[in-house]
């Protein structure tokens, strides 16, 4: 990356120097600078002065993948939760938007609630968390497409860890060869909402600062999933592990006395909460 060596601020994750890397036009009107950390590679905008305008509508018009993303992630999360967490506990979707993901998870039988300071709750009404209460512990908090919105990620994520031991989130890694704003659509300058962009090194350092274990999806499935957790989840994976060995490899394993097939995982999914939620919401309406 070419540009001035002027320093705007220190990296919010590793405290390295942030050097100018390129310009961009935010909200199609404001010329701003982007800066890159000389140590961990994190990229960030200058200090945002445009957020009130950017969040005049919490969900950007360009987020045309919202519905498909939530349907896809709900299926992934159902498997993860039922394999690695207590599916009978309570869960929270942080910055949960319209509540579509929460509704899907409740229909899968998992007691999810929604927290969002900026967006109206359309699909998960009556299952709302209005503030993070340290006395209420969630088994897991999800935060999909949230980390790139955080200008001071350490402090905000610390606040989430006040109510959970584990945060599962999605955000894309900065690809190689980024030299200008148009090289990567994830910068999304038209919306003005994406501020901070991460490398693998920066997320590893962030996990160290938070004193948590870090697991990330390197399966190539394209979801860009990450898990920060205070727990030690030996063997954790984001997707079922499917063995695909050739006949000769399986024969050699048999001759060595090794298992020919990996142990089949039986997943017990909970019963949908749809009917229970219907009766609960109906009782609230009748009481009015």
Protein backbone atom coordinates (compact mmCIF):
# COMPACT_ATOMS: atom_id res chain seq x y z
CA UNK A 1 0.00 0.00 0.00
CA UNK A 2 1.37 3.40 -1.03
CA UNK A 3 0.67 6.73 0.60
CA UNK A 4 1.67 9.21 3.24
CA UNK A 5 3.36 7.99 6.41
CA UNK A 6 1.39 10.47 8.52
CA UNK A 7 0.01 8.84 11.64
CA UNK A 8 -3.67 9.44 12.45
CA UNK A 9 -4.03 7.28 15.53
CA UNK A 10 -2.86 4.04 17.06
CA UNK A 11 -4.38 0.71 16.13
CA UNK A 12 -7.42 0.00 18.32
CA UNK A 13 -6.36 -3.65 18.62
CA UNK A 14 -2.55 -3.84 18.90
CA UNK A 15 -1.68 -0.13 19.46
CA UNK A 16 0.61 -0.16 16.42
CA UNK A 17 0.98 2.94 14.26
CA UNK A 18 -1.77 3.56 11.72
CA UNK A 19 -0.36 4.90 8.44
CA UNK A 20 -2.37 6.40 5.57
CA UNK A 21 -3.17 3.91 2.83
CA UNK A 22 -5.87 5.37 0.55
CA UNK A 23 -8.85 7.71 0.27
CA UNK A 24 -12.52 6.90 -0.03
CA UNK A 25 -15.82 8.68 -0.44
CA UNK A 26 -18.24 7.92 2.41
CA UNK A 27 -22.00 8.17 1.77
CA UNK A 28 -21.09 9.33 -1.77
CA UNK A 29 -20.32 12.80 -0.39
CA UNK A 30 -17.51 12.91 2.22
CA UNK A 31 -13.87 12.44 1.20
CA UNK A 32 -12.10 10.56 4.00
CA UNK A 33 -8.87 8.67 4.61
CA UNK A 34 -8.30 5.01 5.43
CA UNK A 35 -5.35 3.92 7.58
CA UNK A 36 -3.54 0.61 7.94
CA UNK A 37 -1.75 -0.74 11.01
CA UNK A 38 1.96 -1.31 10.38
CA UNK A 39 1.94 -4.20 12.86
CA UNK A 40 -1.22 -6.31 12.52
CA UNK A 41 -2.52 -5.10 9.14
CA UNK A 42 -5.90 -3.87 10.41
CA UNK A 43 -7.48 -1.17 8.24
CA UNK A 44 -9.70 1.55 9.66
CA UNK A 45 -11.35 4.77 8.56
CA UNK A 46 -10.47 8.08 10.10
CA UNK A 47 -12.53 8.96 13.18
CA UNK A 48 -16.12 8.78 11.92
CA UNK A 49 -18.11 12.01 12.00
CA UNK A 50 -20.86 10.69 9.72
CA UNK A 51 -22.44 7.95 11.85
CA UNK A 52 -25.68 9.74 12.67
CA UNK A 53 -26.30 10.07 8.97
CA UNK A 54 -25.11 6.53 8.19
CA UNK A 55 -27.48 5.04 10.78
CA UNK A 56 -30.52 7.12 9.87
CA UNK A 57 -31.64 3.66 8.76
CA UNK A 58 -30.00 0.84 10.72
CA UNK A 59 -30.11 -1.71 7.87
CA UNK A 60 -28.39 -0.43 4.75
CA UNK A 61 -30.26 -0.64 1.44
CA UNK A 62 -27.25 -2.45 -0.04
CA UNK A 63 -27.63 -5.40 2.36
CA UNK A 64 -29.55 -7.46 -0.16
CA UNK A 65 -28.04 -10.66 1.27
CA UNK A 66 -29.65 -10.24 4.71
CA UNK A 67 -32.41 -12.84 4.28
CA UNK A 68 -30.28 -15.55 2.67
CA UNK A 69 -27.45 -14.92 5.14
CA UNK A 70 -29.73 -15.37 8.15
CA UNK A 71 -31.36 -18.51 6.78
CA UNK A 72 -27.94 -19.99 6.06
CA UNK A 73 -26.46 -18.98 9.41
CA UNK A 74 -29.46 -20.27 11.36
CA UNK A 75 -28.79 -23.77 10.02
CA UNK A 76 -25.09 -23.53 10.86
CA UNK A 77 -25.79 -22.19 14.35
CA UNK A 78 -28.35 -24.89 15.07
CA UNK A 79 -25.67 -27.52 14.47
CA UNK A 80 -22.97 -25.65 16.43
CA UNK A 81 -25.18 -25.02 19.45
CA UNK A 82 -26.53 -28.55 19.65
CA UNK A 83 -23.01 -29.99 19.44
CA UNK A 84 -20.89 -27.56 21.47
CA UNK A 85 -23.19 -25.64 23.80
CA UNK A 86 -26.15 -26.23 26.09
CA UNK A 87 -29.07 -25.97 23.68
CA UNK A 88 -31.51 -25.71 26.62
CA UNK A 89 -29.93 -22.48 27.84
CA UNK A 90 -30.62 -18.91 26.65
CA UNK A 91 -28.79 -17.17 23.80
CA UNK A 92 -28.47 -13.60 22.54
CA UNK A 93 -28.10 -12.15 19.05
CA UNK A 94 -26.14 -8.91 19.50
CA UNK A 95 -27.02 -6.10 17.07
CA UNK A 96 -29.74 -8.45 15.87
CA UNK A 97 -31.35 -6.16 13.31
CA UNK A 98 -34.96 -6.89 12.48
CA UNK A 99 -34.93 -10.05 14.61
CA UNK A 100 -35.19 -12.42 11.64
CA UNK A 101 -32.32 -14.63 12.81
CA UNK A 102 -33.80 -14.81 16.33
CA UNK A 103 -37.16 -15.88 14.93
CA UNK A 104 -35.51 -18.62 12.88
CA UNK A 105 -33.55 -19.90 15.88
CA UNK A 106 -36.63 -19.94 18.10
CA UNK A 107 -38.44 -21.89 15.42
CA UNK A 108 -35.53 -24.34 15.65
CA UNK A 109 -36.24 -24.69 19.38
CA UNK A 110 -33.37 -22.57 20.71
CA UNK A 111 -34.19 -19.80 23.19
CA UNK A 112 -32.66 -16.80 21.42
CA UNK A 113 -33.26 -13.15 22.29
CA UNK A 114 -32.37 -10.01 20.38
CA UNK A 115 -30.39 -6.90 21.34
CA UNK A 116 -30.05 -3.88 19.05
CA UNK A 117 -29.78 -0.21 20.03
CA UNK A 118 -30.55 1.15 16.58
CA UNK A 119 -32.91 -1.13 14.67
CA UNK A 120 -36.63 -1.84 15.15
CA UNK A 121 -37.54 -5.37 16.16
CA UNK A 122 -39.95 -6.76 13.58
CA UNK A 123 -39.70 -10.57 13.71
CA UNK A 124 -38.80 -11.26 17.35
CA UNK A 125 -41.08 -8.96 19.32
CA UNK A 126 -41.48 -9.93 23.01
CA UNK A 127 -38.06 -11.63 22.93
CA UNK A 128 -36.06 -8.46 23.34
CA UNK A 129 -33.05 -7.69 25.53
CA UNK A 130 -33.15 -3.94 26.21
CA UNK A 131 -29.76 -3.73 27.95
CA UNK A 132 -26.86 -5.99 28.83
CA UNK A 133 -27.35 -7.07 32.44
CA UNK A 134 -24.29 -8.60 34.10
CA UNK A 135 -26.63 -10.63 36.30
CA UNK A 136 -28.06 -12.40 33.25
CA UNK A 137 -25.68 -14.90 31.66
CA UNK A 138 -26.12 -16.11 28.09
CA UNK A 139 -24.70 -19.44 26.98
CA UNK A 140 -23.52 -17.85 23.73
CA UNK A 141 -23.82 -14.46 22.03
CA UNK A 142 -23.87 -14.19 18.24
CA UNK A 143 -22.76 -11.02 16.44
CA UNK A 144 -23.08 -11.39 12.68
CA UNK A 145 -21.61 -8.62 10.52
CA UNK A 146 -21.01 -6.44 13.57
CA UNK A 147 -17.26 -6.22 14.26
CA UNK A 148 -16.60 -4.15 11.13
CA UNK A 149 -19.01 -1.52 12.53
CA UNK A 150 -16.95 -1.01 15.71
CA UNK A 151 -14.45 1.85 15.83
CA UNK A 152 -13.31 0.89 19.35
CA UNK A 153 -13.79 -2.91 19.21
CA UNK A 154 -11.97 -3.85 22.43
CA UNK A 155 -14.23 -1.88 24.77
CA UNK A 156 -17.47 -2.92 23.10
CA UNK A 157 -16.55 -6.60 22.97
CA UNK A 158 -15.47 -6.49 26.63
CA UNK A 159 -18.97 -5.28 27.41
CA UNK A 160 -20.47 -8.27 25.64
CA UNK A 161 -18.23 -10.63 27.62
CA UNK A 162 -19.87 -9.27 30.78
CA UNK A 163 -22.90 -11.43 29.90
CA UNK A 164 -21.35 -14.49 28.25
CA UNK A 165 -18.30 -16.75 27.98
CA UNK A 166 -18.52 -17.07 24.19
CA UNK A 167 -19.09 -14.78 21.21
CA UNK A 168 -19.56 -16.28 17.75
CA UNK A 169 -19.30 -13.66 15.03
CA UNK A 170 -18.81 -13.17 11.32
CA UNK A 171 -16.52 -10.74 9.56
CA UNK A 172 -14.36 -11.09 6.46
CA UNK A 173 -10.56 -11.08 6.44
CA UNK A 174 -8.86 -8.34 4.41
CA UNK A 175 -7.79 -9.98 1.13
CA UNK A 176 -4.28 -9.68 -0.29
CA UNK A 177 -3.37 -6.84 -2.61
CA UNK A 178 -5.72 -4.13 -1.36
CA UNK A 179 -4.48 -0.78 -2.69
CA UNK A 180 -7.61 1.35 -3.12
CA UNK A 181 -11.17 1.62 -1.90
CA UNK A 182 -12.63 -0.10 -4.98
CA UNK A 183 -10.50 -3.24 -4.51
CA UNK A 184 -12.91 -4.75 -1.98
CA UNK A 185 -16.66 -4.25 -1.81
CA UNK A 186 -16.68 -5.05 1.94
CA UNK A 187 -15.43 -1.50 2.58
CA UNK A 188 -18.99 -0.50 1.59
CA UNK A 189 -18.30 3.26 1.66
CA UNK A 190 -21.74 3.98 0.19
CA UNK A 191 -23.37 2.98 3.49
CA UNK A 192 -20.82 4.63 5.81
CA UNK A 193 -21.29 1.87 8.40
CA UNK A 194 -18.16 -0.26 7.93
CA UNK A 195 -15.26 1.27 9.83
CA UNK A 196 -12.79 -1.44 10.89
CA UNK A 197 -11.42 -4.36 8.86
CA UNK A 198 -9.43 -7.27 10.23
CA UNK A 199 -6.62 -9.63 9.36
CA UNK A 200 -6.13 -13.01 11.01
CA UNK A 201 -3.22 -11.51 12.98
CA UNK A 202 -5.36 -8.64 14.28
CA UNK A 203 -8.13 -10.99 15.48
CA UNK A 204 -5.57 -13.24 17.20
CA UNK A 205 -4.18 -10.19 19.02
CA UNK A 206 -7.70 -9.06 19.89
CA UNK A 207 -8.41 -12.48 21.41
CA UNK A 208 -5.20 -12.25 23.45
CA UNK A 209 -6.20 -8.83 24.77
CA UNK A 210 -9.56 -10.24 25.80
CA UNK A 211 -7.90 -13.34 27.36
CA UNK A 212 -10.05 -15.73 25.31
CA UNK A 213 -9.47 -18.64 22.96
CA UNK A 214 -9.93 -17.97 19.26
CA UNK A 215 -11.31 -20.39 16.69
CA UNK A 216 -11.93 -19.40 13.08
CA UNK A 217 -13.45 -21.12 10.08
CA UNK A 218 -10.79 -22.20 7.60
CA UNK A 219 -13.00 -24.81 5.91
CA UNK A 220 -13.60 -22.73 2.80
CA UNK A 221 -17.37 -22.77 3.28
CA UNK A 222 -17.41 -19.01 2.88
CA UNK A 223 -19.23 -17.89 6.03
CA UNK A 224 -16.20 -16.08 7.55
CA UNK A 225 -17.10 -17.32 11.04
CA UNK A 226 -15.07 -16.78 14.22
CA UNK A 227 -15.47 -17.78 17.86
CA UNK A 228 -14.04 -15.98 20.88
CA UNK A 229 -14.57 -18.06 24.02
CA UNK A 230 -13.30 -18.36 27.57
CA UNK A 231 -13.83 -22.12 27.27
CA UNK A 232 -11.41 -24.67 25.88
CA UNK A 233 -13.41 -26.43 23.17
CA UNK A 234 -11.02 -29.16 22.09
CA UNK A 235 -11.76 -30.26 18.55
CA UNK A 236 -14.22 -27.43 17.91
CA UNK A 237 -15.45 -27.04 14.35
CA UNK A 238 -18.06 -24.84 12.71
CA UNK A 239 -19.38 -27.63 10.49
CA UNK A 240 -19.77 -31.42 10.69
CA UNK A 241 -16.52 -33.17 9.87
CA UNK A 242 -17.13 -35.55 6.97
CA UNK A 243 -14.51 -38.16 6.30
CA UNK A 244 -13.72 -38.63 2.63
CA UNK A 245 -10.91 -41.15 2.45
CA UNK A 246 -10.12 -43.27 -0.57
CA UNK A 247 -10.67 -47.04 -0.60
CA UNK A 248 -6.90 -47.71 -0.25
CA UNK A 249 -6.64 -45.39 2.75
CA UNK A 250 -9.60 -47.08 4.41
CA UNK A 251 -8.12 -50.52 3.63
CA UNK A 252 -4.76 -49.50 5.11
CA UNK A 253 -6.53 -48.17 8.22
CA UNK A 254 -8.34 -51.51 8.58
CA UNK A 255 -5.11 -53.49 8.26
CA UNK A 256 -3.48 -51.28 10.92
CA UNK A 257 -6.41 -51.88 13.22
CA UNK A 258 -7.44 -48.22 13.07
CA UNK A 259 -11.08 -47.13 12.79
CA UNK A 260 -12.18 -47.19 9.18
CA UNK A 261 -14.83 -44.51 9.64
CA UNK A 262 -14.92 -41.54 11.95
CA UNK A 263 -17.39 -41.72 14.82
CA UNK A 264 -20.85 -40.74 13.65
CA UNK A 265 -22.21 -37.76 15.53
CA UNK A 266 -25.87 -38.03 16.47
CA UNK A 267 -27.39 -34.60 16.91
CA UNK A 268 -30.53 -34.24 19.02
CA UNK A 269 -32.32 -31.08 17.97
CA UNK A 270 -34.80 -29.46 20.39
CA UNK A 271 -38.49 -29.05 19.64
CA UNK A 272 -39.54 -25.83 17.94
CA UNK A 273 -40.63 -22.95 20.18
CA UNK A 274 -43.06 -21.66 17.56
CA UNK A 275 -46.23 -22.97 19.22
CA UNK A 276 -45.02 -21.98 22.70
CA UNK A 277 -44.21 -18.48 21.48
CA UNK A 278 -47.61 -18.20 19.82
CA UNK A 279 -49.40 -19.03 23.06
CA UNK A 280 -47.17 -16.67 25.06
CA UNK A 281 -47.71 -13.71 22.73
CA UNK A 282 -51.44 -14.45 22.54
CA UNK A 283 -51.62 -14.33 26.36
CA UNK A 284 -49.99 -10.89 26.31
CA UNK A 285 -52.49 -9.63 23.76
CA UNK A 286 -55.46 -10.97 25.75
CA UNK A 287 -54.23 -9.22 28.92
CA UNK A 288 -54.29 -5.80 27.25
